Amino acid sequence: MRHEYQSLQRFSNDFALCASIRVPQPVAALLRRDILVETFEEGVSVGHILKDTKYSSELKKHLATIGMDALLQMVSVHIK
């Protein structure tokens, strides 16, 4: 689990300055060989919002923009 812990920590650090993206934090004190504990982030899944007609097209477009920006951030960070 150490590799997963480090990956989650790096992912979290990559998006630390992005207020619109929240990443669960790994809990180092509870890390074991076969166990990775993360914090819980309250919210509504993007998939739920995209499928539900009660949410506006503007919100869905905004989420798509955030998602694309996040994807480009991940690609550019890990190419360096």
N, C-alpha and C. Protein backbone atom coordinates (compact mmCIF):
# COMPACT_ATOMS: atom_id res chain seq x y z
N MET A 1 0.80 -1.19 0.00
CA MET A 1 0.00 0.00 0.00
C MET A 1 0.86 1.27 0.00
N ARG A 2 2.13 1.11 0.26
CA ARG A 2 2.99 2.29 0.31
C ARG A 2 2.99 3.04 -1.02
N HIS A 3 2.99 2.28 -2.13
CA HIS A 3 2.96 2.91 -3.45
C HIS A 3 1.66 3.68 -3.66
N GLU A 4 0.54 3.10 -3.26
CA GLU A 4 -0.75 3.76 -3.39
C GLU A 4 -0.79 5.01 -2.51
N TYR A 5 -0.23 4.90 -1.32
CA TYR A 5 -0.16 6.04 -0.40
C TYR A 5 0.62 7.19 -1.04
N GLN A 6 1.78 6.88 -1.58
CA GLN A 6 2.62 7.91 -2.20
C GLN A 6 1.94 8.50 -3.44
N SER A 7 1.27 7.67 -4.21
CA SER A 7 0.57 8.17 -5.40
C SER A 7 -0.57 9.10 -5.02
N LEU A 8 -1.34 8.73 -4.01
CA LEU A 8 -2.45 9.57 -3.55
C LEU A 8 -1.91 10.88 -2.98
N GLN A 9 -0.82 10.81 -2.26
CA GLN A 9 -0.21 12.01 -1.70
C GLN A 9 0.27 12.94 -2.82
N ARG A 10 0.89 12.38 -3.84
CA ARG A 10 1.36 13.18 -4.97
C ARG A 10 0.17 13.79 -5.72
N PHE A 11 -0.87 13.00 -5.95
CA PHE A 11 -2.08 13.48 -6.61
C PHE A 11 -2.69 14.64 -5.82
N SER A 12 -2.76 14.49 -4.53
CA SER A 12 -3.29 15.53 -3.66
C SER A 12 -2.44 16.80 -3.75
N ASN A 13 -1.14 16.65 -3.72
CA ASN A 13 -0.23 17.80 -3.83
C ASN A 13 -0.37 18.50 -5.17
N ASP A 14 -0.56 17.72 -6.24
CA ASP A 14 -0.70 18.30 -7.58
C ASP A 14 -1.90 19.22 -7.68
N PHE A 15 -2.95 18.94 -6.90
CA PHE A 15 -4.18 19.73 -6.97
C PHE A 15 -4.43 20.55 -5.71
N ALA A 16 -3.41 20.74 -4.91
CA ALA A 16 -3.56 21.47 -3.65
C ALA A 16 -4.02 22.91 -3.86
N LEU A 17 -3.63 23.53 -4.94
CA LEU A 17 -4.00 24.93 -5.19
C LEU A 17 -5.30 25.09 -5.98
N CYS A 18 -5.92 23.99 -6.34
CA CYS A 18 -7.15 24.02 -7.13
C CYS A 18 -8.35 23.90 -6.18
N ALA A 19 -9.02 25.02 -5.94
CA ALA A 19 -10.12 25.05 -4.97
C ALA A 19 -11.32 24.21 -5.39
N SER A 20 -11.48 23.95 -6.67
CA SER A 20 -12.67 23.23 -7.14
C SER A 20 -12.50 21.72 -7.13
N ILE A 21 -11.31 21.24 -6.77
CA ILE A 21 -11.07 19.79 -6.72
C ILE A 21 -10.60 19.42 -5.32
N ARG A 22 -11.31 18.46 -4.73
CA ARG A 22 -10.92 17.97 -3.41
C ARG A 22 -10.50 16.51 -3.53
N VAL A 23 -9.37 16.21 -2.97
CA VAL A 23 -8.81 14.86 -3.05
C VAL A 23 -8.75 14.29 -1.63
N PRO A 24 -9.22 13.06 -1.43
CA PRO A 24 -9.08 12.45 -0.11
C PRO A 24 -7.60 12.41 0.30
N GLN A 25 -7.37 12.57 1.59
CA GLN A 25 -6.01 12.55 2.11
C GLN A 25 -5.70 11.18 2.71
N PRO A 26 -4.53 10.63 2.42
CA PRO A 26 -4.16 9.37 3.07
C PRO A 26 -3.83 9.64 4.54
N VAL A 27 -4.14 8.68 5.39
CA VAL A 27 -3.88 8.81 6.83
C VAL A 27 -2.65 7.97 7.15
N ALA A 28 -1.50 8.64 7.27
CA ALA A 28 -0.22 7.96 7.43
C ALA A 28 -0.18 7.06 8.68
N ALA A 29 -0.77 7.51 9.76
CA ALA A 29 -0.73 6.76 11.01
C ALA A 29 -1.43 5.40 10.91
N LEU A 30 -2.34 5.26 9.94
CA LEU A 30 -3.10 4.02 9.80
C LEU A 30 -2.64 3.17 8.62
N LEU A 31 -1.58 3.60 7.95
CA LEU A 31 -1.06 2.86 6.80
C LEU A 31 -0.47 1.52 7.26
N ARG A 32 -0.90 0.45 6.61
CA ARG A 32 -0.37 -0.88 6.87
C ARG A 32 -0.04 -1.52 5.53
N ARG A 33 0.61 -2.63 5.55
CA ARG A 33 1.01 -3.30 4.32
C ARG A 33 -0.17 -3.55 3.37
N ASP A 34 -1.30 -3.94 3.92
CA ASP A 34 -2.47 -4.25 3.11
C ASP A 34 -3.64 -3.29 3.32
N ILE A 35 -3.40 -2.16 3.99
CA ILE A 35 -4.49 -1.24 4.30
C ILE A 35 -4.07 0.20 4.01
N LEU A 36 -4.91 0.91 3.28
CA LEU A 36 -4.74 2.34 3.06
C LEU A 36 -6.02 3.02 3.50
N VAL A 37 -5.92 3.90 4.48
CA VAL A 37 -7.09 4.63 4.98
C VAL A 37 -7.00 6.05 4.44
N GLU A 38 -8.15 6.55 3.93
CA GLU A 38 -8.22 7.91 3.40
C GLU A 38 -9.30 8.68 4.12
N THR A 39 -9.18 10.00 4.09
CA THR A 39 -10.25 10.84 4.64
C THR A 39 -11.46 10.74 3.72
N PHE A 40 -12.63 11.08 4.26
CA PHE A 40 -13.86 11.07 3.47
C PHE A 40 -14.16 12.49 3.03
N GLU A 41 -14.44 12.68 1.76
CA GLU A 41 -14.80 13.99 1.23
C GLU A 41 -16.28 13.99 0.88
N GLU A 42 -17.03 14.82 1.57
CA GLU A 42 -18.47 14.93 1.36
C GLU A 42 -18.74 15.59 0.01
N GLY A 43 -19.74 15.11 -0.69
CA GLY A 43 -20.10 15.75 -1.94
C GLY A 43 -21.02 14.89 -2.79
N VAL A 44 -21.32 15.39 -3.96
CA VAL A 44 -22.16 14.69 -4.94
C VAL A 44 -21.24 14.28 -6.09
N SER A 45 -21.38 13.06 -6.55
CA SER A 45 -20.50 12.60 -7.63
C SER A 45 -20.81 13.34 -8.92
N VAL A 46 -19.79 13.58 -9.70
CA VAL A 46 -19.95 14.26 -10.98
C VAL A 46 -20.87 13.43 -11.88
N GLY A 47 -20.71 12.12 -11.84
CA GLY A 47 -21.55 11.24 -12.65
C GLY A 47 -23.03 11.42 -12.34
N HIS A 48 -23.36 11.58 -11.07
CA HIS A 48 -24.75 11.80 -10.67
C HIS A 48 -25.27 13.12 -11.24
N ILE A 49 -24.47 14.16 -11.14
CA ILE A 49 -24.88 15.47 -11.65
C ILE A 49 -25.10 15.42 -13.16
N LEU A 50 -24.21 14.75 -13.87
CA LEU A 50 -24.32 14.69 -15.33
C LEU A 50 -25.55 13.92 -15.79
N LYS A 51 -25.96 12.91 -15.02
CA LYS A 51 -27.12 12.10 -15.41
C LYS A 51 -28.45 12.72 -15.00
N ASP A 52 -28.45 13.51 -13.95
CA ASP A 52 -29.69 14.05 -13.39
C ASP A 52 -30.13 15.31 -14.13
N THR A 53 -31.36 15.31 -14.61
CA THR A 53 -31.88 16.44 -15.39
C THR A 53 -32.19 17.67 -14.54
N LYS A 54 -32.18 17.53 -13.21
CA LYS A 54 -32.48 18.70 -12.37
C LYS A 54 -31.31 19.70 -12.33
N TYR A 55 -30.12 19.26 -12.76
CA TYR A 55 -28.96 20.16 -12.78
C TYR A 55 -28.89 20.86 -14.13
N SER A 56 -28.51 22.12 -14.13
CA SER A 56 -28.51 22.94 -15.35
C SER A 56 -27.37 22.55 -16.31
N SER A 57 -27.60 22.89 -17.56
CA SER A 57 -26.57 22.68 -18.58
C SER A 57 -25.33 23.50 -18.28
N GLU A 58 -25.53 24.68 -17.71
CA GLU A 58 -24.40 25.55 -17.36
C GLU A 58 -23.50 24.88 -16.32
N LEU A 59 -24.12 24.27 -15.32
CA LEU A 59 -23.33 23.57 -14.29
C LEU A 59 -22.58 22.40 -14.92
N LYS A 60 -23.24 21.65 -15.78
CA LYS A 60 -22.60 20.50 -16.42
C LYS A 60 -21.44 20.95 -17.30
N LYS A 61 -21.59 22.07 -18.00
CA LYS A 61 -20.49 22.60 -18.81
C LYS A 61 -19.34 23.05 -17.92
N HIS A 62 -19.68 23.67 -16.80
CA HIS A 62 -18.65 24.12 -15.85
C HIS A 62 -17.87 22.91 -15.31
N LEU A 63 -18.57 21.86 -14.95
CA LEU A 63 -17.91 20.65 -14.47
C LEU A 63 -17.03 20.02 -15.55
N ALA A 64 -17.50 20.06 -16.79
CA ALA A 64 -16.70 19.53 -17.90
C ALA A 64 -15.41 20.34 -18.05
N THR A 65 -15.50 21.63 -17.90
CA THR A 65 -14.31 22.49 -17.98
C THR A 65 -13.33 22.18 -16.86
N ILE A 66 -13.85 22.03 -15.66
CA ILE A 66 -12.99 21.68 -14.52
C ILE A 66 -12.32 20.33 -14.78
N GLY A 67 -13.10 19.37 -15.26
CA GLY A 67 -12.55 18.04 -15.55
C GLY A 67 -11.47 18.08 -16.61
N MET A 68 -11.68 18.85 -17.66
CA MET A 68 -10.67 18.96 -18.72
C MET A 68 -9.42 19.65 -18.19
N ASP A 69 -9.60 20.70 -17.41
CA ASP A 69 -8.44 21.38 -16.81
C ASP A 69 -7.66 20.43 -15.90
N ALA A 70 -8.38 19.61 -15.14
CA ALA A 70 -7.72 18.64 -14.24
C ALA A 70 -6.95 17.60 -15.05
N LEU A 71 -7.56 17.12 -16.12
CA LEU A 71 -6.88 16.14 -16.98
C LEU A 71 -5.60 16.73 -17.56
N LEU A 72 -5.69 17.94 -18.08
CA LEU A 72 -4.51 18.59 -18.64
C LEU A 72 -3.45 18.84 -17.57
N GLN A 73 -3.88 19.19 -16.37
CA GLN A 73 -2.94 19.37 -15.26
C GLN A 73 -2.22 18.07 -14.94
N MET A 74 -2.96 16.97 -14.89
CA MET A 74 -2.34 15.67 -14.59
C MET A 74 -1.33 15.28 -15.67
N VAL A 75 -1.69 15.49 -16.92
CA VAL A 75 -0.80 15.14 -18.02
C VAL A 75 0.45 16.00 -17.98
N SER A 76 0.29 17.31 -17.81
CA SER A 76 1.45 18.19 -17.83
C SER A 76 2.35 17.99 -16.61
N VAL A 77 1.77 17.71 -15.46
CA VAL A 77 2.57 17.49 -14.25
C VAL A 77 3.42 16.24 -14.37
N HIS A 78 2.85 15.18 -14.93
CA HIS A 78 3.56 13.91 -14.95
C HIS A 78 4.44 13.72 -16.18
N ILE A 79 4.39 14.65 -17.13
CA ILE A 79 5.30 14.60 -18.28
C ILE A 79 6.64 15.20 -17.91
N LYS A 80 6.64 16.18 -17.02
CA LYS A 80 7.86 16.89 -16.64
C LYS A 80 8.92 15.96 -16.11
